[in-house]
C-alpha atoms as a PDB file:
ATOM      1  CA  MET A   1       0.265   4.052   7.375  1.00  0.00           C
ATOM      2  CA  ALA A   2       2.251   6.265   9.704  1.00  0.00           C
ATOM      3  CA  LEU A   3       1.455   7.689  13.134  1.00  0.00           C
ATOM      4  CA  VAL A   4      -0.163  10.746  11.561  1.00  0.00           C
ATOM      5  CA  GLY A   5      -1.713  10.192   8.139  1.00  0.00           C
ATOM      6  CA  ASP A   6      -0.430   7.986   5.369  1.00  0.00           C
ATOM      7  CA  ALA A   7       3.109   9.307   4.968  1.00  0.00           C
ATOM      8  CA  VAL A   8       6.038   9.031   7.362  1.00  0.00           C
ATOM      9  CA  THR A   9       6.665  12.320   9.151  1.00  0.00           C
ATOM     10  CA  LEU A  10       8.976  13.712  11.790  1.00  0.00           C
ATOM     11  CA  ALA A  11       6.549  12.297  14.374  1.00  0.00           C
ATOM     12  CA  ASP A  12       7.356   8.757  13.255  1.00  0.00           C
ATOM     13  CA  PHE A  13      11.086   9.322  13.567  1.00  0.00           C
ATOM     14  CA  SER A  14      10.721  11.043  16.942  1.00  0.00           C
ATOM     15  CA  VAL A  15       8.600   8.281  18.451  1.00  0.00           C
ATOM     16  CA  GLY A  16      10.647   5.631  16.678  1.00  0.00           C
ATOM     17  CA  ALA A  17      13.788   6.857  18.437  1.00  0.00           C
ATOM     18  CA  CYS A  18      12.168   6.003  21.777  1.00  0.00           C
ATOM     19  CA  PHE A  19      10.799   2.671  20.589  1.00  0.00           C
ATOM     20  CA  SER A  20      14.264   1.589  19.485  1.00  0.00           C
ATOM     21  CA  TYR A  21      14.813   0.550  23.080  1.00  0.00           C
ATOM     22  CA  ALA A  22      11.350  -0.949  23.740  1.00  0.00           C
ATOM     23  CA  GLU A  23      12.309  -4.607  23.538  1.00  0.00           C
ATOM     24  CA  ALA A  24      15.634  -4.193  25.327  1.00  0.00           C
ATOM     25  CA  SER A  25      13.924  -2.347  28.186  1.00  0.00           C
ATOM     26  CA  GLY A  26      11.137  -4.913  28.515  1.00  0.00           C
ATOM     27  CA  LEU A  27       8.325  -2.572  27.505  1.00  0.00           C
ATOM     28  CA  PRO A  28       5.107  -4.595  27.781  1.00  0.00           C
ATOM     29  CA  TRP A  29       3.666  -3.811  24.365  1.00  0.00           C
ATOM     30  CA  GLY A  30       2.411  -7.246  23.388  1.00  0.00           C
ATOM     31  CA  ASP A  31      -1.246  -6.208  23.566  1.00  0.00           C
ATOM     32  CA  TYR A  32      -0.768  -3.107  21.409  1.00  0.00           C
ATOM     33  CA  THR A  33      -1.117  -4.565  17.928  1.00  0.00           C
ATOM     34  CA  HIS A  34      -1.422  -1.217  16.141  1.00  0.00           C
ATOM     35  CA  ILE A  35       1.783   0.070  17.698  1.00  0.00           C
ATOM     36  CA  ARG A  36       3.625  -3.141  16.879  1.00  0.00           C
ATOM     37  CA  SER A  37       2.352  -2.951  13.286  1.00  0.00           C
ATOM     38  CA  TRP A  38       3.519   0.644  12.991  1.00  0.00           C
ATOM     39  CA  TRP A  39       6.900  -0.348  14.410  1.00  0.00           C
ATOM     40  CA  ALA A  40       7.249  -3.139  11.839  1.00  0.00           C
ATOM     41  CA  ARG A  41       6.429  -0.698   9.029  1.00  0.00           C
ATOM     42  CA  MET A  42       9.015   1.749  10.372  1.00  0.00           C
ATOM     43  CA  GLY A  43      11.579  -1.006  10.035  1.00  0.00           C
ATOM     44  CA  GLU A  44      10.968  -0.973   6.282  1.00  0.00           C
ATOM     45  CA  VAL A  45      11.435   2.782   5.771  1.00  0.00           C
ATOM     46  CA  PRO A  46      14.801   3.179   3.984  1.00  0.00           C
ATOM     47  CA  ALA A  47      15.826   6.285   5.938  1.00  0.00           C
ATOM     48  CA  TRP A  48      15.032   4.499   9.196  1.00  0.00           C
ATOM     49  CA  LYS A  49      16.757   1.255   8.215  1.00  0.00           C
ATOM     50  CA  SER A  50      19.967   3.049   7.390  1.00  0.00           C
ATOM     51  CA  THR A  51      20.133   5.132  10.580  1.00  0.00           C
ATOM     52  CA  ALA A  52      18.320   3.172  13.323  1.00  0.00           C
ATOM     53  CA  PRO A  53      20.410   2.026  16.290  1.00  0.00           C
ATOM     54  CA  LYS A  54      21.658  -1.535  16.008  1.00  0.00           C
ATOM     55  CA  LEU A  55      20.903  -3.228  19.324  1.00  0.00           C
ATOM     56  CA  GLY A  56      21.719  -6.704  20.465  1.00  0.00           C
END
C-alpha cells in the first residue's frame, strides 16, 4: 500500500524525499507505525532503491 491508494505514485516519492533524512535528523516517529510501515515498503520499490540518498 502506498500513501494514496495501492500503487506507488509521485506522492510517495515526494514525501519519501523528505523522509530520507528522518532518522539522521532525529525525527520522533517511533509512535507512527503506519508511517514507518510505509517507509519500509518504499525501501523495497526498485525505482526508490536505485535512486534514494545513501546516508550514514
